[in-house]
Amino acid sequence: MSKIILCCTLLIMLLFSTACASTKNEKILFVPHDARPISYHQTVEVIEQLGYDIIVPPEEFFGTTKNFGNPDALWNWLETNADSASAAVISADSILYGGLIPSRKHSVSQAIIDNRIEHFRNLRNKNPNLKIYIFTSLMRTPKDVPVGFDEEPDYYPYYGNQIANLCELLDKQEMTGLNENEKHNLTELKANIPQDIFEDYFSRRETNLSATKKFIEFTAQNIVSYLIVGRDDNSPLGQTHRENRDILNYAEKFNLLNDKFQSLTGIDEFGLLLLTRAVNDLHGEKPSVSVRYNKGTGAATVPAYSDEQIGNSIESEIAIIGGKIVDDVNAADFVLFVNTDPQGRTYHTHNALPNNRIIIDEKFFAKNAEDFSELVNEYVKAGFPVGIADINFANGSDNALMKCMADKNLLFNLKSYAGCNTATNSTGFALGIGVLAKYMDNASKDRILVRRYLDDWAYQANVRTTVGEELYYSPEGAISYYTLGDKTAAVEDRVTQLMREFANKNLPSFDYLKDFYVTLPWNRMFECDIHFLLNS
């Protein structure tokens, strides 16, 4: 009898390992919305740690602040590789306009865009079994854009504030109506913005909105397997918020549910969320996630650069990965902890330039950090798989929390951590990595954590501020944080030096942390790329 049981056990193990190997050998195509590290390398690295064959286009195909990329080359690449893939996660902004930033500045005609969209119908016809996951964005509506910051049209640093104020009033007019003073302001803003600028800005938005509606139609027709529409750097009132109402009304006509479509705040995290869904679909998994918040406002927090409560954003993100929320942690595959401010505020003490940075003594955050980290510690000690989305700050880690985490030896007892740029970037990365961690060995999981700690904690919350201030007070005169120009190489050397010092002080001595170096791929301080010389 024992021999029969042993044989059955071995057979089950063999079948399971064969199924896993088969799944992991399947090819996943990924077209990000640009080649920034968070969008491209860092997202790809997570899936690579699972052992998947994830294929990405050459970086030169993507747009930057300076060029509009090569949508035709991206499409040719996609068609060439699609027939051997099981799933494709595709940025519509890249395929239609060349990238996220080109989507805000392009002059592509409606006819060309319509033709590019129609390619997806052909892709589906030629590859009927391919899972096609699409993410796209509604154009953001920023207010204060400094001269030299070229992610928006050339006129935006001069008229952006007026455009944003105009859009806020237009949105409010539709939602609640305007008082007499607001009506007067709206009339003045319309008169003060030059007509050619007004038409350029709003016609582009209308073109992009039309494309998004077409993708909704394709999703209803099962040409697209899953669609995400993102609201990048959003606010409770504005043109992005206004267009989202239009999108939701349009999707409602097709009765699209969250198993096919989501519209939510965010953008940079969408690639990882959809790749997580692709992996879950290949495994036939629907993970259960329990969410725990810091004390106070918690899930009702509306973070900076968002127009909705973080609880709603996280609920949407869990739906995107194909999961479900559970209250009972004992029934959860993963527990996501969210570090919010008790009063629901978002802090901006990191990274802003010295002339407008608000300085708050970090002792102010110490009690909150201690309470939160102790709660996390209890769950980790109890054996729950735990990750942290650190959203107390708009951009970078909460240093007080990280100190508590290090003191309690929690940094590498987590399944995931993220304290990226904007709250939903953090929740999306912490969720995706945390859910996928069960497919990783400890070395792979730790490598992803190291990447996040170096980027979110070392660089965003500390080194970037230090170097930014050095540039501002340079003996040669203030050097722009956003356009380093011929200073880039020298700044990279300085950043690398400080990052290595930080790693030596705060992180274990992993082999791949020996002689790592840092580059600034877009010649600005906003993001960095961290290069490990060893693959171990």
Protein backbone atom coordinates (compact mmCIF):
# COMPACT_ATOMS: atom_id res chain seq x y z
CA MET A 1 0.00 0.00 0.00
CA SER A 2 2.85 2.38 0.93
CA LYS A 3 4.47 1.76 -2.49
CA ILE A 4 1.23 2.75 -4.25
CA ILE A 5 1.00 5.95 -2.20
CA LEU A 6 4.65 6.71 -2.93
CA CYS A 7 4.15 6.17 -6.66
CA CYS A 8 1.06 8.35 -6.70
CA THR A 9 2.89 11.08 -4.80
CA LEU A 10 5.81 10.98 -7.22
CA LEU A 11 3.43 11.05 -10.18
CA ILE A 12 1.61 14.10 -8.79
CA MET A 13 4.94 15.86 -8.15
CA LEU A 14 6.09 15.07 -11.67
CA LEU A 15 2.89 16.36 -13.23
CA PHE A 16 3.04 19.53 -11.12
CA SER A 17 6.67 20.24 -11.97
CA THR A 18 6.01 19.55 -15.65
CA ALA A 19 3.05 21.93 -15.64
CA CYS A 20 5.13 24.64 -13.95
CA ALA A 21 8.01 24.17 -16.38
CA SER A 22 5.62 24.32 -19.32
CA THR A 23 4.06 27.53 -18.02
CA LYS A 24 7.38 29.19 -17.29
CA ASN A 25 8.70 28.40 -20.76
CA GLU A 26 5.83 30.26 -22.35
CA LYS A 27 6.71 33.58 -23.94
CA ILE A 28 5.24 36.88 -22.76
CA LEU A 29 5.63 39.99 -24.93
CA PHE A 30 5.87 43.36 -23.20
CA VAL A 31 5.64 46.78 -24.85
CA PRO A 32 6.09 49.40 -22.08
CA HIS A 33 5.07 53.04 -22.44
CA ASP A 34 8.70 54.20 -22.39
CA ALA A 35 12.17 52.98 -21.45
CA ARG A 36 12.44 54.67 -18.05
CA PRO A 37 13.74 52.16 -15.47
CA ILE A 38 10.43 51.93 -13.56
CA SER A 39 8.49 51.29 -16.76
CA TYR A 40 10.97 48.99 -18.47
CA HIS A 41 13.91 47.32 -16.70
CA GLN A 42 12.46 47.19 -13.19
CA THR A 43 9.16 45.78 -14.41
CA VAL A 44 10.84 43.22 -16.67
CA GLU A 45 13.21 42.14 -13.90
CA VAL A 46 10.31 41.04 -11.69
CA ILE A 47 8.97 38.66 -14.35
CA GLU A 48 12.48 37.43 -15.20
CA GLN A 49 12.95 36.37 -11.56
CA LEU A 50 10.03 33.98 -12.07
CA GLY A 51 11.84 32.27 -14.91
CA TYR A 52 9.57 33.48 -17.70
CA ASP A 53 10.73 34.26 -21.21
CA ILE A 54 9.69 37.92 -21.34
CA ILE A 55 10.50 39.61 -24.64
CA VAL A 56 10.76 43.40 -24.99
CA PRO A 57 11.48 45.67 -27.98
CA PRO A 58 14.78 47.57 -28.35
CA GLU A 59 14.89 50.70 -26.18
CA GLU A 60 15.50 52.97 -29.17
CA PHE A 61 11.95 52.29 -30.38
CA PHE A 62 10.48 54.27 -27.47
CA GLY A 63 9.90 57.99 -27.18
CA THR A 64 11.50 60.26 -24.59
CA THR A 65 11.13 63.93 -23.73
CA LYS A 66 13.22 64.66 -26.84
CA ASN A 67 11.85 62.31 -29.51
CA PHE A 68 8.58 60.65 -30.44
CA GLY A 69 9.80 57.08 -30.74
CA ASN A 70 8.99 54.71 -33.59
CA PRO A 71 5.42 53.33 -33.46
CA ASP A 72 5.77 51.57 -36.82
CA ALA A 73 8.90 49.72 -35.70
CA LEU A 74 7.13 48.73 -32.48
CA TRP A 75 4.19 47.37 -34.43
CA ASN A 76 6.44 45.38 -36.79
CA TRP A 77 8.25 43.95 -33.77
CA LEU A 78 4.94 42.99 -32.17
CA GLU A 79 3.62 41.24 -35.28
CA THR A 80 6.90 39.38 -35.78
CA ASN A 81 6.90 37.96 -32.24
CA ALA A 82 3.19 37.46 -31.57
CA ASP A 83 2.74 34.04 -33.14
CA SER A 84 5.12 32.39 -30.64
CA ALA A 85 3.76 34.12 -27.52
CA SER A 86 1.05 33.16 -25.03
CA ALA A 87 0.39 36.70 -23.84
CA ALA A 88 1.18 40.29 -24.81
CA VAL A 89 1.07 43.30 -22.47
CA ILE A 90 1.01 46.39 -24.67
CA SER A 91 1.11 50.13 -24.06
CA ALA A 92 -1.33 51.78 -26.46
CA ASP A 93 0.53 55.07 -25.93
CA SER A 94 3.67 53.49 -27.41
CA ILE A 95 1.93 51.77 -30.31
CA LEU A 96 -0.13 54.83 -31.26
CA TYR A 97 2.14 57.79 -30.43
CA GLY A 98 5.61 56.43 -29.60
CA GLY A 99 5.33 56.57 -25.81
CA LEU A 100 3.72 58.16 -22.79
CA ILE A 101 5.30 61.59 -23.21
CA PRO A 102 4.76 61.71 -27.00
CA SER A 103 1.06 61.04 -26.28
CA ARG A 104 0.97 64.51 -24.67
CA LYS A 105 2.79 66.35 -27.47
CA HIS A 106 2.21 64.51 -30.75
CA SER A 107 0.69 65.88 -33.95
CA VAL A 108 -0.32 62.49 -35.39
CA SER A 109 -3.47 62.72 -37.49
CA GLN A 110 -6.70 60.99 -36.55
CA ALA A 111 -6.47 58.91 -39.76
CA ILE A 112 -3.03 57.52 -38.86
CA ILE A 113 -4.12 56.76 -35.31
CA ASP A 114 -7.26 54.99 -36.56
CA ASN A 115 -5.12 52.88 -38.89
CA ARG A 116 -2.75 51.93 -36.08
CA ILE A 117 -5.68 50.93 -33.88
CA GLU A 118 -7.07 48.70 -36.61
CA HIS A 119 -3.84 46.70 -36.52
CA PHE A 120 -5.13 45.17 -33.28
CA ARG A 121 -8.04 43.59 -35.14
CA ASN A 122 -5.54 41.95 -37.50
CA LEU A 123 -3.38 40.87 -34.56
CA ARG A 124 -6.34 39.11 -32.99
CA ASN A 125 -7.38 37.46 -36.27
CA LYS A 126 -3.87 36.09 -36.86
CA ASN A 127 -3.41 35.02 -33.20
CA PRO A 128 -6.80 33.88 -31.86
CA ASN A 129 -5.35 32.31 -28.69
CA LEU A 130 -3.07 35.23 -27.75
CA LYS A 131 -4.02 37.01 -24.53
CA ILE A 132 -3.86 40.74 -25.41
CA TYR A 133 -3.66 43.07 -22.42
CA ILE A 134 -3.72 46.81 -23.19
CA PHE A 135 -2.97 49.82 -21.01
CA THR A 136 -3.39 53.43 -22.06
CA SER A 137 -3.67 56.84 -20.40
CA LEU A 138 -5.84 59.89 -20.33
CA MET A 139 -3.62 62.95 -20.73
CA ARG A 140 -2.66 64.52 -17.44
CA THR A 141 -3.44 68.16 -16.55
CA PRO A 142 -0.49 69.52 -14.53
CA LYS A 143 -0.50 73.03 -13.09
CA ASP A 144 3.01 74.18 -12.31
CA VAL A 145 5.50 73.12 -14.99
CA PRO A 146 8.92 74.80 -14.80
CA VAL A 147 10.65 76.18 -17.87
CA GLY A 148 12.97 73.47 -19.20
CA PHE A 149 10.68 70.63 -18.12
CA ASP A 150 9.80 69.28 -21.53
CA GLU A 151 7.26 66.53 -20.86
CA GLU A 152 4.46 68.83 -22.07
CA PRO A 153 4.03 70.98 -25.21
CA ASP A 154 6.49 73.89 -25.51
CA TYR A 155 3.87 76.45 -24.47
CA TYR A 156 2.87 74.63 -21.29
CA PRO A 157 5.39 76.23 -18.88
CA TYR A 158 3.88 79.61 -19.86
CA TYR A 159 0.18 78.74 -20.14
CA GLY A 160 -0.10 75.48 -18.19
CA ASN A 161 -1.34 77.08 -15.00
CA GLN A 162 -4.09 78.91 -16.85
CA ILE A 163 -5.02 75.77 -18.82
CA ALA A 164 -5.23 73.72 -15.61
CA ASN A 165 -7.35 76.38 -13.87
CA LEU A 166 -9.63 76.54 -16.91
CA CYS A 167 -10.04 72.75 -16.87
CA GLU A 168 -10.86 72.73 -13.16
CA LEU A 169 -13.65 75.20 -13.75
CA LEU A 170 -14.98 73.30 -16.76
CA ASP A 171 -15.06 70.13 -14.68
CA LYS A 172 -16.75 71.82 -11.75
CA GLN A 173 -19.24 73.49 -14.07
CA GLU A 174 -20.42 70.10 -15.27
CA MET A 175 -20.44 68.51 -11.82
CA THR A 176 -21.92 71.14 -9.47
CA GLY A 177 -22.15 74.42 -11.37
CA LEU A 178 -20.17 77.65 -10.85
CA ASN A 179 -20.79 80.72 -8.71
CA GLU A 180 -20.66 84.18 -10.29
CA ASN A 181 -17.00 84.73 -9.44
CA GLU A 182 -16.03 81.37 -10.95
CA LYS A 183 -18.03 82.13 -14.09
CA HIS A 184 -16.14 85.41 -14.43
CA ASN A 185 -12.80 83.60 -13.97
CA LEU A 186 -13.73 81.05 -16.60
CA THR A 187 -14.56 83.78 -19.12
CA GLU A 188 -11.25 85.54 -18.43
CA LEU A 189 -9.22 82.35 -18.77
CA LYS A 190 -10.83 81.55 -22.12
CA ALA A 191 -9.99 85.07 -23.32
CA ASN A 192 -6.38 84.98 -22.05
CA ILE A 193 -5.28 81.66 -23.55
CA PRO A 194 -4.31 82.19 -27.21
CA GLN A 195 -6.70 80.47 -29.57
CA ASP A 196 -4.04 78.42 -31.37
CA ILE A 197 -2.78 77.06 -28.04
CA PHE A 198 -6.32 76.33 -26.86
CA GLU A 199 -7.11 74.44 -30.06
CA ASP A 200 -3.82 72.50 -30.09
CA TYR A 201 -4.24 71.35 -26.50
CA PHE A 202 -7.88 70.32 -26.62
CA SER A 203 -7.82 68.82 -30.12
CA ARG A 204 -5.01 66.48 -29.07
CA ARG A 205 -6.98 65.44 -26.03
CA GLU A 206 -10.03 64.76 -28.18
CA THR A 207 -7.94 62.64 -30.57
CA ASN A 208 -6.52 60.59 -27.71
CA LEU A 209 -9.95 60.22 -26.09
CA SER A 210 -11.38 58.92 -29.36
CA ALA A 211 -8.63 56.27 -29.50
CA THR A 212 -9.38 55.18 -25.95
CA LYS A 213 -13.05 54.72 -26.82
CA LYS A 214 -12.05 52.51 -29.74
CA PHE A 215 -10.09 50.28 -27.39
CA ILE A 216 -13.20 50.02 -25.21
CA GLU A 217 -15.11 48.81 -28.25
CA PHE A 218 -12.35 46.29 -29.01
CA THR A 219 -12.52 45.02 -25.43
CA ALA A 220 -16.27 44.52 -25.73
CA GLN A 221 -15.62 42.58 -28.98
CA ASN A 222 -12.95 40.39 -27.29
CA ILE A 223 -10.25 41.69 -29.59
CA VAL A 224 -8.61 42.97 -26.40
CA SER A 225 -8.56 40.57 -23.43
CA TYR A 226 -8.21 43.24 -20.74
CA LEU A 227 -8.01 47.04 -20.86
CA ILE A 228 -6.72 49.57 -18.34
CA VAL A 229 -7.26 53.31 -18.76
CA GLY A 230 -5.00 55.33 -16.46
CA ARG A 231 -5.25 58.84 -15.07
CA ASP A 232 -1.67 60.01 -14.73
CA ASP A 233 -0.80 62.71 -12.12
CA ASN A 234 -4.46 63.44 -11.59
CA SER A 235 -6.50 65.61 -9.19
CA PRO A 236 -10.13 65.73 -7.98
CA LEU A 237 -10.97 68.50 -10.48
CA GLY A 238 -9.52 68.85 -13.98
CA GLN A 239 -9.70 67.75 -17.58
CA THR A 240 -8.37 64.27 -16.81
CA HIS A 241 -11.10 63.77 -14.22
CA ARG A 242 -13.65 65.20 -16.64
CA GLU A 243 -12.64 62.87 -19.47
CA ASN A 244 -12.79 59.90 -17.13
CA ARG A 245 -16.50 60.46 -16.60
CA ASP A 246 -16.90 60.32 -20.36
CA ILE A 247 -14.89 57.08 -20.55
CA LEU A 248 -16.89 55.42 -17.77
CA ASN A 249 -20.18 56.38 -19.42
CA TYR A 250 -18.93 55.00 -22.71
CA ALA A 251 -17.79 51.71 -21.15
CA GLU A 252 -21.15 51.38 -19.40
CA LYS A 253 -22.86 51.17 -22.80
CA PHE A 254 -20.98 47.90 -23.40
CA ASN A 255 -21.59 46.55 -19.89
CA LEU A 256 -17.85 46.07 -19.33
CA LEU A 257 -17.10 44.67 -15.87
CA ASN A 258 -13.84 44.67 -13.92
CA ASP A 259 -12.96 41.26 -15.33
CA LYS A 260 -12.41 43.05 -18.67
CA PHE A 261 -11.84 46.76 -17.98
CA GLN A 262 -10.63 49.21 -15.35
CA SER A 263 -10.23 52.98 -15.29
CA LEU A 264 -8.14 54.17 -12.37
CA THR A 265 -5.55 56.63 -11.15
CA GLY A 266 -1.96 55.80 -12.07
CA ILE A 267 0.21 54.80 -15.02
CA ASP A 268 3.78 53.57 -14.33
CA GLU A 269 2.57 50.52 -12.37
CA PHE A 270 0.21 49.28 -15.09
CA GLY A 271 2.78 47.21 -16.97
CA LEU A 272 3.60 45.18 -13.87
CA LEU A 273 -0.06 44.80 -12.87
CA LEU A 274 -1.00 43.41 -16.29
CA LEU A 275 2.07 41.17 -16.39
CA THR A 276 1.00 39.87 -12.98
CA ARG A 277 -2.43 39.14 -14.42
CA ALA A 278 -0.81 37.36 -17.37
CA VAL A 279 1.19 35.12 -15.01
CA ASN A 280 -1.89 34.43 -12.88
CA ASP A 281 -3.90 33.58 -15.99
CA LEU A 282 -1.18 31.19 -17.19
CA HIS A 283 -1.21 29.51 -13.77
CA GLY A 284 -5.01 29.60 -13.47
CA GLU A 285 -4.62 31.57 -10.21
CA LYS A 286 -6.99 34.11 -8.64
CA PRO A 287 -5.05 35.32 -5.59
CA SER A 288 -6.79 36.50 -2.43
CA VAL A 289 -5.42 39.74 -0.99
CA SER A 290 -6.08 41.26 2.42
CA VAL A 291 -5.32 44.99 2.78
CA ARG A 292 -4.32 46.64 6.06
CA TYR A 293 -3.85 50.39 6.52
CA ASN A 294 -2.03 52.58 8.99
CA LYS A 295 -4.21 54.11 11.68
CA GLY A 296 -6.38 57.13 10.91
CA THR A 297 -7.79 58.01 7.50
CA GLY A 298 -6.41 54.84 5.93
CA ALA A 299 -8.35 53.64 2.89
CA ALA A 300 -10.18 56.99 2.63
CA THR A 301 -6.90 58.84 1.97
CA VAL A 302 -6.89 60.73 -1.33
CA PRO A 303 -3.16 60.92 -2.13
CA ALA A 304 -1.43 63.66 -4.06
CA TYR A 305 -1.73 63.23 -7.85
CA SER A 306 -4.97 61.27 -7.47
CA ASP A 307 -8.67 62.01 -7.75
CA GLU A 308 -9.88 59.01 -5.75
CA GLN A 309 -9.46 57.31 -2.38
CA ILE A 310 -6.50 54.97 -2.20
CA GLY A 311 -8.78 52.14 -1.09
CA ASN A 312 -10.65 52.39 -4.39
CA SER A 313 -7.38 52.43 -6.36
CA ILE A 314 -6.13 49.31 -4.57
CA GLU A 315 -9.45 47.54 -5.10
CA SER A 316 -9.10 48.23 -8.84
CA GLU A 317 -5.47 47.06 -8.86
CA ILE A 318 -6.45 43.77 -7.21
CA ALA A 319 -9.13 43.29 -9.87
CA ILE A 320 -6.53 43.97 -12.59
CA ILE A 321 -4.24 41.18 -11.40
CA GLY A 322 -7.22 38.81 -11.42
CA GLY A 323 -7.45 38.68 -7.64
CA LYS A 324 -10.06 39.33 -4.96
CA ILE A 325 -10.08 41.21 -1.66
CA VAL A 326 -10.66 39.24 1.53
CA ASP A 327 -11.08 40.61 5.05
CA ASP A 328 -9.85 37.46 6.76
CA VAL A 329 -6.04 37.41 6.64
CA ASN A 330 -6.10 33.67 7.26
CA ALA A 331 -7.78 33.27 3.88
CA ALA A 332 -5.31 35.57 2.09
CA ASP A 333 -2.51 34.57 -0.24
CA PHE A 334 -0.90 37.96 0.41
CA VAL A 335 -1.34 40.77 2.93
CA LEU A 336 -0.70 44.31 1.67
CA PHE A 337 0.09 46.93 4.33
CA VAL A 338 -0.33 50.56 3.30
CA ASN A 339 1.61 53.27 5.14
CA THR A 340 -0.64 56.34 5.11
CA ASP A 341 -0.63 59.52 7.18
CA PRO A 342 -3.21 59.41 10.03
CA GLN A 343 -4.77 62.66 8.76
CA GLY A 344 -4.78 61.54 5.12
CA ARG A 345 -2.09 64.01 4.03
CA THR A 346 0.66 63.42 1.48
CA TYR A 347 4.06 64.90 2.30
CA HIS A 348 6.49 66.48 -0.16
CA THR A 349 9.60 66.99 1.95
CA HIS A 350 11.75 64.80 -0.30
CA ASN A 351 13.35 65.88 -3.55
CA ALA A 352 11.78 69.26 -4.19
CA LEU A 353 14.39 71.94 -4.86
CA PRO A 354 15.60 73.95 -1.83
CA ASN A 355 13.82 77.14 -2.84
CA ASN A 356 10.39 75.53 -2.50
CA ARG A 357 10.96 72.49 -0.27
CA ILE A 358 8.99 72.29 2.97
CA ILE A 359 11.27 71.06 5.73
CA ILE A 360 9.67 68.87 8.39
CA ASP A 361 11.71 67.31 11.18
CA GLU A 362 11.51 63.56 10.63
CA LYS A 363 10.87 63.10 14.36
CA PHE A 364 7.37 64.27 13.40
CA PHE A 365 6.87 60.90 11.68
CA ALA A 366 8.58 58.70 14.27
CA LYS A 367 5.56 57.66 16.40
CA ASN A 368 3.46 56.85 13.37
CA ALA A 369 6.30 54.81 11.87
CA GLU A 370 6.87 52.89 15.10
CA ASP A 371 3.19 51.93 15.43
CA PHE A 372 2.91 50.87 11.80
CA SER A 373 6.14 48.85 11.77
CA GLU A 374 5.12 47.05 14.95
CA LEU A 375 1.83 46.02 13.35
CA VAL A 376 3.73 44.72 10.32
CA ASN A 377 6.12 42.89 12.65
CA GLU A 378 3.25 41.07 14.35
CA TYR A 379 1.97 39.75 11.02
CA VAL A 380 5.43 38.74 9.80
CA LYS A 381 6.14 36.86 13.04
CA ALA A 382 2.80 35.10 12.67
CA GLY A 383 3.95 33.80 9.29
CA PHE A 384 1.76 35.84 6.95
CA PRO A 385 3.19 36.80 3.52
CA VAL A 386 3.43 40.59 3.90
CA GLY A 387 4.28 43.50 1.61
CA ILE A 388 4.34 47.27 2.19
CA ALA A 389 3.13 50.12 0.00
CA ASP A 390 4.81 53.18 1.51
CA ILE A 391 2.69 56.20 0.44
CA ASN A 392 3.18 58.67 3.31
CA PHE A 393 5.35 60.70 0.93
CA ALA A 394 4.43 61.53 -2.66
CA ASN A 395 7.85 60.56 -3.94
CA GLY A 396 10.12 58.23 -2.04
CA SER A 397 10.24 56.20 1.15
CA ASP A 398 9.29 57.31 4.65
CA ASN A 399 12.74 57.46 6.30
CA ALA A 400 11.28 57.09 9.78
CA LEU A 401 9.48 53.92 8.74
CA MET A 402 12.56 52.49 7.05
CA LYS A 403 14.61 53.02 10.21
CA CYS A 404 12.00 51.14 12.23
CA MET A 405 11.88 48.36 9.64
CA ALA A 406 15.66 47.99 9.74
CA ASP A 407 15.73 48.03 13.57
CA LYS A 408 13.13 45.23 13.66
CA ASN A 409 15.01 43.19 11.01
CA LEU A 410 11.98 43.34 8.72
CA LEU A 411 13.54 44.62 5.49
CA PHE A 412 14.16 41.16 4.04
CA ASN A 413 11.36 39.37 5.84
CA LEU A 414 8.87 41.07 3.55
CA LYS A 415 7.59 39.66 0.26
CA SER A 416 7.53 43.12 -1.34
CA TYR A 417 8.08 46.82 -0.73
CA ALA A 418 7.53 49.95 -2.81
CA GLY A 419 7.73 53.66 -2.04
CA CYS A 420 7.88 54.90 -5.63
CA ASN A 421 6.86 58.10 -7.37
CA THR A 422 3.14 58.61 -6.51
CA ALA A 423 0.94 56.47 -4.30
CA THR A 424 -0.55 54.19 -6.94
CA ASN A 425 2.89 53.40 -8.37
CA SER A 426 3.77 52.16 -4.89
CA THR A 427 0.59 50.17 -4.27
CA GLY A 428 0.75 48.63 -7.75
CA PHE A 429 4.38 47.54 -7.43
CA ALA A 430 4.00 46.28 -3.86
CA LEU A 431 0.89 44.32 -4.87
CA GLY A 432 2.28 42.82 -8.08
CA ILE A 433 5.64 41.82 -6.60
CA GLY A 434 4.01 40.53 -3.41
CA VAL A 435 1.54 38.30 -5.23
CA LEU A 436 4.26 36.93 -7.55
CA ALA A 437 6.76 36.36 -4.73
CA LYS A 438 5.41 32.85 -4.10
CA TYR A 439 6.92 31.84 -7.44
CA MET A 440 10.37 33.20 -6.47
CA ASP A 441 13.13 31.71 -4.37
CA ASN A 442 14.49 33.86 -1.54
CA ALA A 443 17.48 35.07 -3.55
CA SER A 444 15.23 36.35 -6.35
CA LYS A 445 12.82 37.96 -3.92
CA ASP A 446 15.68 39.68 -2.06
CA ARG A 447 17.12 41.01 -5.32
CA ILE A 448 13.81 42.72 -6.13
CA LEU A 449 13.68 44.16 -2.59
CA VAL A 450 17.24 45.47 -2.93
CA ARG A 451 16.25 47.23 -6.15
CA ARG A 452 13.30 48.92 -4.45
CA TYR A 453 15.30 49.92 -1.38
CA LEU A 454 18.04 51.43 -3.53
CA ASP A 455 15.63 53.33 -5.76
CA ASP A 456 12.82 54.35 -3.39
CA TRP A 457 14.71 54.69 -0.11
CA ALA A 458 18.32 55.48 -1.00
CA TYR A 459 17.81 57.54 -4.15
CA GLN A 460 14.36 59.09 -4.03
CA ALA A 461 14.18 59.80 -0.32
CA ASN A 462 17.80 60.77 0.34
CA VAL A 463 20.49 60.91 -2.35
CA ARG A 464 18.42 62.81 -4.88
CA THR A 465 17.65 65.52 -2.35
CA THR A 466 21.30 65.82 -1.34
CA VAL A 467 22.60 66.05 -4.90
CA GLY A 468 19.74 68.30 -5.98
CA GLU A 469 20.72 70.80 -3.28
CA GLU A 470 24.38 70.58 -4.29
CA LEU A 471 23.37 71.43 -7.85
CA TYR A 472 21.18 74.30 -6.73
CA TYR A 473 24.01 75.86 -4.67
CA SER A 474 26.73 75.04 -7.22
CA PRO A 475 29.61 77.57 -7.41
CA GLU A 476 28.89 77.73 -11.13
CA GLY A 477 25.34 78.86 -10.44
CA ALA A 478 22.14 76.87 -9.98
CA ILE A 479 22.02 73.79 -12.22
CA SER A 480 18.56 72.60 -13.16
CA TYR A 481 17.36 69.40 -11.56
CA TYR A 482 15.46 68.66 -14.79
CA THR A 483 18.10 69.38 -17.44
CA LEU A 484 21.61 68.33 -16.40
CA GLY A 485 23.11 68.67 -19.88
CA ASP A 486 26.87 68.27 -19.91
CA LYS A 487 26.89 67.85 -16.10
CA THR A 488 25.20 64.44 -16.33
CA ALA A 489 28.36 62.29 -16.12
CA ALA A 490 29.68 64.19 -13.09
CA VAL A 491 26.31 63.98 -11.35
CA GLU A 492 26.14 60.23 -12.05
CA ASP A 493 29.53 59.78 -10.38
CA ARG A 494 28.37 61.72 -7.31
CA VAL A 495 25.09 59.80 -7.12
CA THR A 496 26.93 56.47 -7.45
CA GLN A 497 29.28 57.42 -4.62
CA LEU A 498 26.43 58.33 -2.26
CA MET A 499 24.35 55.30 -3.24
CA ARG A 500 27.24 52.94 -2.51
CA GLU A 501 27.76 54.58 0.87
CA PHE A 502 24.06 54.19 1.63
CA ALA A 503 24.07 50.52 0.59
CA ASN A 504 27.16 49.76 2.70
CA LYS A 505 25.47 51.30 5.72
CA ASN A 506 21.92 49.97 5.33
CA LEU A 507 21.85 46.80 3.19
CA PRO A 508 23.42 43.32 3.37
CA SER A 509 26.62 42.71 1.45
CA PHE A 510 25.10 40.84 -1.50
CA ASP A 511 27.62 40.10 -4.25
CA TYR A 512 25.70 42.15 -6.82
CA LEU A 513 26.03 45.24 -4.59
CA LYS A 514 29.78 45.24 -5.13
CA ASP A 515 30.72 48.08 -7.46
CA PHE A 516 27.18 48.72 -8.73
CA TYR A 517 26.81 52.05 -10.47
CA VAL A 518 24.03 54.52 -11.21
CA THR A 519 23.10 56.35 -14.41
CA LEU A 520 20.57 59.10 -15.15
CA PRO A 521 19.21 57.88 -18.49
CA TRP A 522 17.10 60.97 -19.24
CA ASN A 523 19.80 63.44 -18.15
CA ARG A 524 17.77 64.67 -15.19
CA MET A 525 17.47 63.91 -11.49
CA PHE A 526 13.89 62.66 -11.54
CA GLU A 527 14.77 58.96 -12.03
CA CYS A 528 17.88 56.80 -11.93
CA ASP A 529 18.96 53.43 -13.31
CA ILE A 530 20.89 51.12 -11.00
CA HIS A 531 23.28 48.68 -12.69
CA PHE A 532 24.47 45.52 -10.95
CA LEU A 533 27.75 44.22 -12.37
CA LEU A 534 27.14 40.67 -11.15
CA ASN A 535 24.10 38.52 -11.92
CA SER A 536 24.39 36.43 -8.76
